[in-house]
Amino acid sequence: MSPSDYKRQRLNRNEARKLVTRLVNEEKIVFLVHAFERMEERNISLQDAMNVLESPDSFILGEGELERGSYRYRLCTNRMLLAIGFKSDGSGLVVLTVIRRQQ
């Protein structure tokens, strides 16, 4: 699939996960200020968040959700969840927030 607008067209889980892998490998990741604020508040390091992005065991939970005009995805491991989105042209990954998952 080659959507013309990655923010407004939902990717399935597999497509979203493949795009995450590609963008992480290309080092095209942006963290919003909100994500940094929540990480500090929740005592989560940048390395913790990067480990989720880089982990081959991380997965997209559910389907993309349309919020504020763009699709967002939940990238998870057993311990963390990152809310992420993509730039309109698919050239970058945006980390919106980071949460510790309850065990």
PDB file of N, CA and C in Angstrom:
ATOM      1  N   MET A   1       0.847  -1.187   0.000  1.00  0.00           N
ATOM      2  CA  MET A   1       0.000   0.000   0.000  1.00  0.00           C
ATOM      3  C   MET A   1       0.883   1.236   0.000  1.00  0.00           C
ATOM      4  N   SER A   2       0.486   2.183  -0.760  1.00  0.00           N
ATOM      5  CA  SER A   2       1.238   3.423  -0.828  1.00  0.00           C
ATOM      6  C   SER A   2       0.279   4.602  -0.656  1.00  0.00           C
ATOM      7  N   PRO A   3      -0.135   4.859   0.598  1.00  0.00           N
ATOM      8  CA  PRO A   3      -1.095   5.941   0.789  1.00  0.00           C
ATOM      9  C   PRO A   3      -0.499   7.289   0.445  1.00  0.00           C
ATOM     10  N   SER A   4      -1.355   8.158  -0.046  1.00  0.00           N
ATOM     11  CA  SER A   4      -0.877   9.490  -0.397  1.00  0.00           C
ATOM     12  C   SER A   4      -0.717  10.358   0.843  1.00  0.00           C
ATOM     13  N   ASP A   5      -1.418  10.015   1.913  1.00  0.00           N
ATOM     14  CA  ASP A   5      -1.334  10.796   3.134  1.00  0.00           C
ATOM     15  C   ASP A   5      -1.370   9.860   4.337  1.00  0.00           C
ATOM     16  N   TYR A   6      -0.220   9.636   4.956  1.00  0.00           N
ATOM     17  CA  TYR A   6      -0.095   8.700   6.065  1.00  0.00           C
ATOM     18  C   TYR A   6      -0.817   9.178   7.324  1.00  0.00           C
ATOM     19  N   LYS A   7      -1.114  10.454   7.411  1.00  0.00           N
ATOM     20  CA  LYS A   7      -1.818  10.970   8.583  1.00  0.00           C
ATOM     21  C   LYS A   7      -3.316  10.725   8.483  1.00  0.00           C
ATOM     22  N   ARG A   8      -3.852  10.714   7.281  1.00  0.00           N
ATOM     23  CA  ARG A   8      -5.301  10.661   7.114  1.00  0.00           C
ATOM     24  C   ARG A   8      -5.822   9.361   6.518  1.00  0.00           C
ATOM     25  N   GLN A   9      -4.925   8.435   6.215  1.00  0.00           N
ATOM     26  CA  GLN A   9      -5.342   7.137   5.698  1.00  0.00           C
ATOM     27  C   GLN A   9      -4.803   6.064   6.640  1.00  0.00           C
ATOM     28  N   ARG A  10      -5.702   5.247   7.148  1.00  0.00           N
ATOM     29  CA  ARG A  10      -5.309   4.238   8.135  1.00  0.00           C
ATOM     30  C   ARG A  10      -4.475   3.134   7.479  1.00  0.00           C
ATOM     31  N   LEU A  11      -3.374   2.792   8.139  1.00  0.00           N
ATOM     32  CA  LEU A  11      -2.563   1.640   7.755  1.00  0.00           C
ATOM     33  C   LEU A  11      -3.021   0.456   8.598  1.00  0.00           C
ATOM     34  N   ASN A  12      -2.909  -0.757   8.067  1.00  0.00           N
ATOM     35  CA  ASN A  12      -3.193  -1.893   8.938  1.00  0.00           C
ATOM     36  C   ASN A  12      -1.991  -2.096   9.861  1.00  0.00           C
ATOM     37  N   ARG A  13      -2.150  -2.935  10.860  1.00  0.00           N
ATOM     38  CA  ARG A  13      -1.084  -3.143  11.859  1.00  0.00           C
ATOM     39  C   ARG A  13       0.256  -3.506  11.238  1.00  0.00           C
ATOM     40  N   ASN A  14       0.232  -4.425  10.283  1.00  0.00           N
ATOM     41  CA  ASN A  14       1.483  -4.874   9.668  1.00  0.00           C
ATOM     42  C   ASN A  14       2.157  -3.758   8.885  1.00  0.00           C
ATOM     43  N   GLU A  15       1.386  -2.991   8.135  1.00  0.00           N
ATOM     44  CA  GLU A  15       1.956  -1.873   7.375  1.00  0.00           C
ATOM     45  C   GLU A  15       2.546  -0.827   8.320  1.00  0.00           C
ATOM     46  N   ALA A  16       1.816  -0.535   9.389  1.00  0.00           N
ATOM     47  CA  ALA A  16       2.300   0.453  10.359  1.00  0.00           C
ATOM     48  C   ALA A  16       3.589  -0.024  11.012  1.00  0.00           C
ATOM     49  N   ARG A  17       3.657  -1.309  11.373  1.00  0.00           N
ATOM     50  CA  ARG A  17       4.849  -1.837  12.040  1.00  0.00           C
ATOM     51  C   ARG A  17       6.050  -1.815  11.090  1.00  0.00           C
ATOM     52  N   LYS A  18       5.831  -2.155   9.828  1.00  0.00           N
ATOM     53  CA  LYS A  18       6.913  -2.106   8.842  1.00  0.00           C
ATOM     54  C   LYS A  18       7.417  -0.678   8.645  1.00  0.00           C
ATOM     55  N   LEU A  19       6.500   0.276   8.638  1.00  0.00           N
ATOM     56  CA  LEU A  19       6.895   1.671   8.489  1.00  0.00           C
ATOM     57  C   LEU A  19       7.695   2.134   9.703  1.00  0.00           C
ATOM     58  N   VAL A  20       7.297   1.711  10.905  1.00  0.00           N
ATOM     59  CA  VAL A  20       8.059   2.039  12.119  1.00  0.00           C
ATOM     60  C   VAL A  20       9.484   1.522  11.972  1.00  0.00           C
ATOM     61  N   THR A  21       9.630   0.264  11.592  1.00  0.00           N
ATOM     62  CA  THR A  21      10.961  -0.339  11.460  1.00  0.00           C
ATOM     63  C   THR A  21      11.821   0.436  10.467  1.00  0.00           C
ATOM     64  N   ARG A  22      11.242   0.770   9.319  1.00  0.00           N
ATOM     65  CA  ARG A  22      11.995   1.505   8.299  1.00  0.00           C
ATOM     66  C   ARG A  22      12.441   2.871   8.816  1.00  0.00           C
ATOM     67  N   LEU A  23      11.521   3.599   9.441  1.00  0.00           N
ATOM     68  CA  LEU A  23      11.841   4.951   9.906  1.00  0.00           C
ATOM     69  C   LEU A  23      12.832   4.939  11.070  1.00  0.00           C
ATOM     70  N   VAL A  24      12.748   3.939  11.934  1.00  0.00           N
ATOM     71  CA  VAL A  24      13.730   3.818  13.019  1.00  0.00           C
ATOM     72  C   VAL A  24      15.106   3.528  12.423  1.00  0.00           C
ATOM     73  N   ASN A  25      15.171   2.629  11.464  1.00  0.00           N
ATOM     74  CA  ASN A  25      16.453   2.308  10.815  1.00  0.00           C
ATOM     75  C   ASN A  25      17.038   3.523  10.102  1.00  0.00           C
ATOM     76  N   GLU A  26      16.172   4.377   9.571  1.00  0.00           N
ATOM     77  CA  GLU A  26      16.624   5.593   8.887  1.00  0.00           C
ATOM     78  C   GLU A  26      16.827   6.759   9.864  1.00  0.00           C
ATOM     79  N   GLU A  27      16.573   6.516  11.151  1.00  0.00           N
ATOM     80  CA  GLU A  27      16.711   7.532  12.206  1.00  0.00           C
ATOM     81  C   GLU A  27      15.856   8.763  11.929  1.00  0.00           C
ATOM     82  N   LYS A  28      14.632   8.533  11.507  1.00  0.00           N
ATOM     83  CA  LYS A  28      13.701   9.630  11.206  1.00  0.00           C
ATOM     84  C   LYS A  28      12.588   9.644  12.251  1.00  0.00           C
ATOM     85  N   ILE A  29      12.991   9.973  13.486  1.00  0.00           N
ATOM     86  CA  ILE A  29      12.093   9.951  14.639  1.00  0.00           C
ATOM     87  C   ILE A  29      12.086  11.325  15.287  1.00  0.00           C
ATOM     88  N   VAL A  30      10.889  11.779  15.631  1.00  0.00           N
ATOM     89  CA  VAL A  30      10.725  13.051  16.344  1.00  0.00           C
ATOM     90  C   VAL A  30       9.889  12.773  17.586  1.00  0.00           C
ATOM     91  N   PHE A  31      10.316  13.300  18.730  1.00  0.00           N
ATOM     92  CA  PHE A  31       9.540  13.224  19.962  1.00  0.00           C
ATOM     93  C   PHE A  31       8.907  14.584  20.206  1.00  0.00           C
ATOM     94  N   LEU A  32       7.601  14.605  20.414  1.00  0.00           N
ATOM     95  CA  LEU A  32       6.947  15.865  20.764  1.00  0.00           C
ATOM     96  C   LEU A  32       7.359  16.288  22.166  1.00  0.00           C
ATOM     97  N   VAL A  33       7.274  17.568  22.438  1.00  0.00           N
ATOM     98  CA  VAL A  33       7.556  18.081  23.780  1.00  0.00           C
ATOM     99  C   VAL A  33       6.655  17.366  24.784  1.00  0.00           C
ATOM    100  N   HIS A  34       5.397  17.140  24.409  1.00  0.00           N
ATOM    101  CA  HIS A  34       4.466  16.430  25.292  1.00  0.00           C
ATOM    102  C   HIS A  34       5.019  15.062  25.691  1.00  0.00           C
ATOM    103  N   ALA A  35       5.614  14.343  24.741  1.00  0.00           N
ATOM    104  CA  ALA A  35       6.188  13.027  25.034  1.00  0.00           C
ATOM    105  C   ALA A  35       7.317  13.152  26.053  1.00  0.00           C
ATOM    106  N   PHE A  36       8.191  14.142  25.876  1.00  0.00           N
ATOM    107  CA  PHE A  36       9.284  14.348  26.835  1.00  0.00           C
ATOM    108  C   PHE A  36       8.749  14.711  28.217  1.00  0.00           C
ATOM    109  N   GLU A  37       7.718  15.531  28.265  1.00  0.00           N
ATOM    110  CA  GLU A  37       7.124  15.904  29.554  1.00  0.00           C
ATOM    111  C   GLU A  37       6.555  14.678  30.265  1.00  0.00           C
ATOM    112  N   ARG A  38       5.847  13.834  29.527  1.00  0.00           N
ATOM    113  CA  ARG A  38       5.264  12.633  30.133  1.00  0.00           C
ATOM    114  C   ARG A  38       6.348  11.649  30.541  1.00  0.00           C
ATOM    115  N   MET A  39       7.413  11.546  29.748  1.00  0.00           N
ATOM    116  CA  MET A  39       8.513  10.651  30.105  1.00  0.00           C
ATOM    117  C   MET A  39       9.158  11.099  31.416  1.00  0.00           C
ATOM    118  N   GLU A  40       9.376  12.394  31.553  1.00  0.00           N
ATOM    119  CA  GLU A  40       9.962  12.908  32.789  1.00  0.00           C
ATOM    120  C   GLU A  40       9.034  12.655  33.968  1.00  0.00           C
ATOM    121  N   GLU A  41       7.759  12.938  33.773  1.00  0.00           N
ATOM    122  CA  GLU A  41       6.751  12.751  34.814  1.00  0.00           C
ATOM    123  C   GLU A  41       6.656  11.283  35.253  1.00  0.00           C
ATOM    124  N   ARG A  42       6.847  10.370  34.314  1.00  0.00           N
ATOM    125  CA  ARG A  42       6.683   8.936  34.572  1.00  0.00           C
ATOM    126  C   ARG A  42       8.005   8.211  34.784  1.00  0.00           C
ATOM    127  N   ASN A  43       9.091   8.980  34.891  1.00  0.00           N
ATOM    128  CA  ASN A  43      10.428   8.429  35.108  1.00  0.00           C
ATOM    129  C   ASN A  43      10.799   7.397  34.031  1.00  0.00           C
ATOM    130  N   ILE A  44      10.584   7.781  32.777  1.00  0.00           N
ATOM    131  CA  ILE A  44      10.913   6.941  31.630  1.00  0.00           C
ATOM    132  C   ILE A  44      12.026   7.649  30.854  1.00  0.00           C
ATOM    133  N   SER A  45      13.077   6.927  30.566  1.00  0.00           N
ATOM    134  CA  SER A  45      14.212   7.540  29.862  1.00  0.00           C
ATOM    135  C   SER A  45      13.993   7.501  28.343  1.00  0.00           C
ATOM    136  N   LEU A  46      14.755   8.326  27.656  1.00  0.00           N
ATOM    137  CA  LEU A  46      14.737   8.312  26.196  1.00  0.00           C
ATOM    138  C   LEU A  46      15.170   6.933  25.693  1.00  0.00           C
ATOM    139  N   GLN A  47      16.136   6.336  26.356  1.00  0.00           N
ATOM    140  CA  GLN A  47      16.596   4.998  25.953  1.00  0.00           C
ATOM    141  C   GLN A  47      15.483   3.965  26.106  1.00  0.00           C
ATOM    142  N   ASP A  48      14.670   4.088  27.168  1.00  0.00           N
ATOM    143  CA  ASP A  48      13.525   3.181  27.335  1.00  0.00           C
ATOM    144  C   ASP A  48      12.588   3.275  26.129  1.00  0.00           C
ATOM    145  N   ALA A  49      12.278   4.499  25.727  1.00  0.00           N
ATOM    146  CA  ALA A  49      11.385   4.709  24.584  1.00  0.00           C
ATOM    147  C   ALA A  49      12.024   4.197  23.291  1.00  0.00           C
ATOM    148  N   MET A  50      13.301   4.451  23.107  1.00  0.00           N
ATOM    149  CA  MET A  50      13.990   3.975  21.911  1.00  0.00           C
ATOM    150  C   MET A  50      14.023   2.446  21.875  1.00  0.00           C
ATOM    151  N   ASN A  51      14.148   1.820  23.033  1.00  0.00           N
ATOM    152  CA  ASN A  51      14.138   0.355  23.080  1.00  0.00           C
ATOM    153  C   ASN A  51      12.819  -0.201  22.548  1.00  0.00           C
ATOM    154  N   VAL A  52      11.714   0.472  22.847  1.00  0.00           N
ATOM    155  CA  VAL A  52      10.414   0.037  22.322  1.00  0.00           C
ATOM    156  C   VAL A  52      10.404   0.186  20.811  1.00  0.00           C
ATOM    157  N   LEU A  53      10.877   1.319  20.318  1.00  0.00           N
ATOM    158  CA  LEU A  53      10.901   1.557  18.872  1.00  0.00           C
ATOM    159  C   LEU A  53      11.786   0.549  18.145  1.00  0.00           C
ATOM    160  N   GLU A  54      12.894   0.173  18.755  1.00  0.00           N
ATOM    161  CA  GLU A  54      13.874  -0.708  18.108  1.00  0.00           C
ATOM    162  C   GLU A  54      13.605  -2.195  18.325  1.00  0.00           C
ATOM    163  N   SER A  55      12.767  -2.529  19.283  1.00  0.00           N
ATOM    164  CA  SER A  55      12.552  -3.929  19.635  1.00  0.00           C
ATOM    165  C   SER A  55      11.823  -4.699  18.535  1.00  0.00           C
ATOM    166  N   PRO A  56      12.371  -5.854  18.147  1.00  0.00           N
ATOM    167  CA  PRO A  56      11.657  -6.692  17.180  1.00  0.00           C
ATOM    168  C   PRO A  56      10.406  -7.319  17.796  1.00  0.00           C
ATOM    169  N   ASP A  57      10.296  -7.265  19.114  1.00  0.00           N
ATOM    170  CA  ASP A  57       9.139  -7.825  19.810  1.00  0.00           C
ATOM    171  C   ASP A  57       8.014  -6.815  20.003  1.00  0.00           C
ATOM    172  N   SER A  58       8.240  -5.553  19.673  1.00  0.00           N
ATOM    173  CA  SER A  58       7.170  -4.568  19.835  1.00  0.00           C
ATOM    174  C   SER A  58       6.122  -4.797  18.746  1.00  0.00           C
ATOM    175  N   PHE A  59       4.896  -4.412  19.054  1.00  0.00           N
ATOM    176  CA  PHE A  59       3.783  -4.668  18.145  1.00  0.00           C
ATOM    177  C   PHE A  59       2.796  -3.512  18.195  1.00  0.00           C
ATOM    178  N   ILE A  60       2.012  -3.391  17.143  1.00  0.00           N
ATOM    179  CA  ILE A  60       0.955  -2.383  17.088  1.00  0.00           C
ATOM    180  C   ILE A  60      -0.276  -2.990  17.746  1.00  0.00           C
ATOM    181  N   LEU A  61      -0.768  -2.347  18.773  1.00  0.00           N
ATOM    182  CA  LEU A  61      -1.939  -2.809  19.509  1.00  0.00           C
ATOM    183  C   LEU A  61      -3.182  -2.225  18.856  1.00  0.00           C
ATOM    184  N   GLY A  62      -4.075  -3.083  18.404  1.00  0.00           N
ATOM    185  CA  GLY A  62      -5.304  -2.614  17.780  1.00  0.00           C
ATOM    186  C   GLY A  62      -5.035  -1.998  16.419  1.00  0.00           C
ATOM    187  N   GLU A  63      -6.011  -1.252  15.964  1.00  0.00           N
ATOM    188  CA  GLU A  63      -5.903  -0.564  14.677  1.00  0.00           C
ATOM    189  C   GLU A  63      -5.625   0.912  14.930  1.00  0.00           C
ATOM    190  N   GLY A  64      -5.227   1.620  13.907  1.00  0.00           N
ATOM    191  CA  GLY A  64      -5.007   3.054  14.035  1.00  0.00           C
ATOM    192  C   GLY A  64      -6.299   3.759  14.406  1.00  0.00           C
ATOM    193  N   GLU A  65      -6.179   4.803  15.202  1.00  0.00           N
ATOM    194  CA  GLU A  65      -7.335   5.574  15.644  1.00  0.00           C
ATOM    195  C   GLU A  65      -7.219   6.996  15.118  1.00  0.00           C
ATOM    196  N   LEU A  66      -8.287   7.474  14.504  1.00  0.00           N
ATOM    197  CA  LEU A  66      -8.307   8.831  13.986  1.00  0.00           C
ATOM    198  C   LEU A  66      -8.561   9.790  15.137  1.00  0.00           C
ATOM    199  N   GLU A  67      -7.612  10.680  15.368  1.00  0.00           N
ATOM    200  CA  GLU A  67      -7.741  11.660  16.444  1.00  0.00           C
ATOM    201  C   GLU A  67      -7.147  12.983  15.974  1.00  0.00           C
ATOM    202  N   ARG A  68      -7.926  14.030  16.095  1.00  0.00           N
ATOM    203  CA  ARG A  68      -7.486  15.368  15.690  1.00  0.00           C
ATOM    204  C   ARG A  68      -6.981  15.409  14.250  1.00  0.00           C
ATOM    205  N   GLY A  69      -7.647  14.674  13.378  1.00  0.00           N
ATOM    206  CA  GLY A  69      -7.332  14.737  11.953  1.00  0.00           C
ATOM    207  C   GLY A  69      -6.216  13.837  11.472  1.00  0.00           C
ATOM    208  N   SER A  70      -5.626  13.007  12.362  1.00  0.00           N
ATOM    209  CA  SER A  70      -4.577  12.098  11.898  1.00  0.00           C
ATOM    210  C   SER A  70      -4.693  10.761  12.628  1.00  0.00           C
ATOM    211  N   TYR A  71      -4.215   9.720  11.959  1.00  0.00           N
ATOM    212  CA  TYR A  71      -4.237   8.397  12.573  1.00  0.00           C
ATOM    213  C   TYR A  71      -3.063   8.244  13.520  1.00  0.00           C
ATOM    214  N   ARG A  72      -3.372   7.649  14.672  1.00  0.00           N
ATOM    215  CA  ARG A  72      -2.367   7.376  15.696  1.00  0.00           C
ATOM    216  C   ARG A  72      -2.385   5.896  15.983  1.00  0.00           C
ATOM    217  N   TYR A  73      -1.249   5.379  16.367  1.00  0.00           N
ATOM    218  CA  TYR A  73      -1.086   3.953  16.608  1.00  0.00           C
ATOM    219  C   TYR A  73      -0.446   3.764  17.975  1.00  0.00           C
ATOM    220  N   ARG A  74      -0.719   2.600  18.583  1.00  0.00           N
ATOM    221  CA  ARG A  74      -0.129   2.268  19.880  1.00  0.00           C
ATOM    222  C   ARG A  74       0.912   1.175  19.658  1.00  0.00           C
ATOM    223  N   LEU A  75       2.175   1.544  19.816  1.00  0.00           N
ATOM    224  CA  LEU A  75       3.289   0.616  19.679  1.00  0.00           C
ATOM    225  C   LEU A  75       3.650   0.126  21.072  1.00  0.00           C
ATOM    226  N   CYS A  76       3.616  -1.203  21.274  1.00  0.00           N
ATOM    227  CA  CYS A  76       3.743  -1.753  22.624  1.00  0.00           C
ATOM    228  C   CYS A  76       4.819  -2.821  22.748  1.00  0.00           C
ATOM    229  N   THR A  77       5.305  -2.929  23.970  1.00  0.00           N
ATOM    230  CA  THR A  77       6.007  -4.111  24.454  1.00  0.00           C
ATOM    231  C   THR A  77       5.225  -4.517  25.704  1.00  0.00           C
ATOM    232  N   ASN A  78       5.705  -5.513  26.414  1.00  0.00           N
ATOM    233  CA  ASN A  78       5.011  -5.921  27.638  1.00  0.00           C
ATOM    234  C   ASN A  78       5.035  -4.834  28.706  1.00  0.00           C
ATOM    235  N   ARG A  79       6.006  -3.927  28.641  1.00  0.00           N
ATOM    236  CA  ARG A  79       6.183  -2.937  29.707  1.00  0.00           C
ATOM    237  C   ARG A  79       5.846  -1.498  29.332  1.00  0.00           C
ATOM    238  N   MET A  80       5.867  -1.194  28.044  1.00  0.00           N
ATOM    239  CA  MET A  80       5.678   0.194  27.611  1.00  0.00           C
ATOM    240  C   MET A  80       4.723   0.298  26.442  1.00  0.00           C
ATOM    241  N   LEU A  81       4.147   1.491  26.318  1.00  0.00           N
ATOM    242  CA  LEU A  81       3.286   1.821  25.180  1.00  0.00           C
ATOM    243  C   LEU A  81       3.685   3.196  24.685  1.00  0.00           C
ATOM    244  N   LEU A  82       3.893   3.318  23.394  1.00  0.00           N
ATOM    245  CA  LEU A  82       4.163   4.606  22.761  1.00  0.00           C
ATOM    246  C   LEU A  82       3.007   4.924  21.832  1.00  0.00           C
ATOM    247  N   ALA A  83       2.418   6.086  21.976  1.00  0.00           N
ATOM    248  CA  ALA A  83       1.438   6.567  21.006  1.00  0.00           C
ATOM    249  C   ALA A  83       2.249   7.264  19.923  1.00  0.00           C
ATOM    250  N   ILE A  84       2.070   6.810  18.686  1.00  0.00           N
ATOM    251  CA  ILE A  84       2.873   7.330  17.581  1.00  0.00           C
ATOM    252  C   ILE A  84       1.984   7.736  16.410  1.00  0.00           C
ATOM    253  N   GLY A  85       2.547   8.542  15.541  1.00  0.00           N
ATOM    254  CA  GLY A  85       1.911   8.916  14.285  1.00  0.00           C
ATOM    255  C   GLY A  85       3.000   9.040  13.236  1.00  0.00           C
ATOM    256  N   PHE A  86       2.581   9.325  12.012  1.00  0.00           N
ATOM    257  CA  PHE A  86       3.530   9.463  10.915  1.00  0.00           C
ATOM    258  C   PHE A  86       3.350  10.813  10.247  1.00  0.00           C
ATOM    259  N   LYS A  87       4.428  11.345   9.697  1.00  0.00           N
ATOM    260  CA  LYS A  87       4.327  12.560   8.894  1.00  0.00           C
ATOM    261  C   LYS A  87       3.471  12.259   7.677  1.00  0.00           C
ATOM    262  N   SER A  88       2.850  13.279   7.120  1.00  0.00           N
ATOM    263  CA  SER A  88       1.903  13.099   6.015  1.00  0.00           C
ATOM    264  C   SER A  88       2.457  12.290   4.857  1.00  0.00           C
ATOM    265  N   ASP A  89       3.730  12.489   4.540  1.00  0.00           N
ATOM    266  CA  ASP A  89       4.316  11.789   3.392  1.00  0.00           C
ATOM    267  C   ASP A  89       5.020  10.488   3.792  1.00  0.00           C
ATOM    268  N   GLY A  90       4.892  10.100   5.055  1.00  0.00           N
ATOM    269  CA  GLY A  90       5.515   8.863   5.515  1.00  0.00           C
ATOM    270  C   GLY A  90       7.007   8.958   5.724  1.00  0.00           C
ATOM    271  N   SER A  91       7.543  10.174   5.754  1.00  0.00           N
ATOM    272  CA  SER A  91       8.996  10.354   5.853  1.00  0.00           C
ATOM    273  C   SER A  91       9.497  10.468   7.292  1.00  0.00           C
ATOM    274  N   GLY A  92       8.616  10.357   8.258  1.00  0.00           N
ATOM    275  CA  GLY A  92       9.043  10.477   9.644  1.00  0.00           C
ATOM    276  C   GLY A  92       8.027   9.891  10.603  1.00  0.00           C
ATOM    277  N   LEU A  93       8.529   9.468  11.751  1.00  0.00           N
ATOM    278  CA  LEU A  93       7.719   8.914  12.819  1.00  0.00           C
ATOM    279  C   LEU A  93       7.681   9.935  13.942  1.00  0.00           C
ATOM    280  N   VAL A  94       6.509  10.160  14.515  1.00  0.00           N
ATOM    281  CA  VAL A  94       6.342  11.125  15.593  1.00  0.00           C
ATOM    282  C   VAL A  94       5.875  10.384  16.840  1.00  0.00           C
ATOM    283  N   VAL A  95       6.639  10.507  17.933  1.00  0.00           N
ATOM    284  CA  VAL A  95       6.237   9.919  19.210  1.00  0.00           C
ATOM    285  C   VAL A  95       5.433  10.980  19.948  1.00  0.00           C
ATOM    286  N   LEU A  96       4.183  10.626  20.224  1.00  0.00           N
ATOM    287  CA  LEU A  96       3.244  11.579  20.834  1.00  0.00           C
ATOM    288  C   LEU A  96       3.292  11.520  22.351  1.00  0.00           C
ATOM    289  N   THR A  97       3.330  10.315  22.905  1.00  0.00           N
ATOM    290  CA  THR A  97       3.431  10.151  24.348  1.00  0.00           C
ATOM    291  C   THR A  97       3.958   8.761  24.657  1.00  0.00           C
ATOM    292  N   VAL A  98       4.384   8.563  25.914  1.00  0.00           N
ATOM    293  CA  VAL A  98       4.965   7.304  26.367  1.00  0.00           C
ATOM    294  C   VAL A  98       4.345   6.951  27.707  1.00  0.00           C
ATOM    295  N   ILE A  99       3.935   5.686  27.847  1.00  0.00           N
ATOM    296  CA  ILE A  99       3.228   5.227  29.053  1.00  0.00           C
ATOM    297  C   ILE A  99       3.805   3.879  29.481  1.00  0.00           C
ATOM    298  N   ARG A 100       3.930   3.671  30.802  1.00  0.00           N
ATOM    299  CA  ARG A 100       4.264   2.348  31.318  1.00  0.00           C
ATOM    300  C   ARG A 100       2.969   1.538  31.347  1.00  0.00           C
ATOM    301  N   ARG A 101       3.041   0.309  30.876  1.00  0.00           N
ATOM    302  CA  ARG A 101       1.873  -0.565  30.892  1.00  0.00           C
ATOM    303  C   ARG A 101       1.768  -1.246  32.253  1.00  0.00           C
ATOM    304  N   GLN A 102       0.559  -1.408  32.716  1.00  0.00           N
ATOM    305  CA  GLN A 102       0.315  -2.108  33.976  1.00  0.00           C
ATOM    306  C   GLN A 102       0.466  -3.598  33.746  1.00  0.00           C
ATOM    307  N   GLN A 103       1.166  -4.253  34.624  1.00  0.00           N
ATOM    308  CA  GLN A 103       1.389  -5.715  34.510  1.00  0.00           C
ATOM    309  C   GLN A 103       0.318  -6.457  35.264  1.00  0.00           C
TER     310      GLN A 103
END
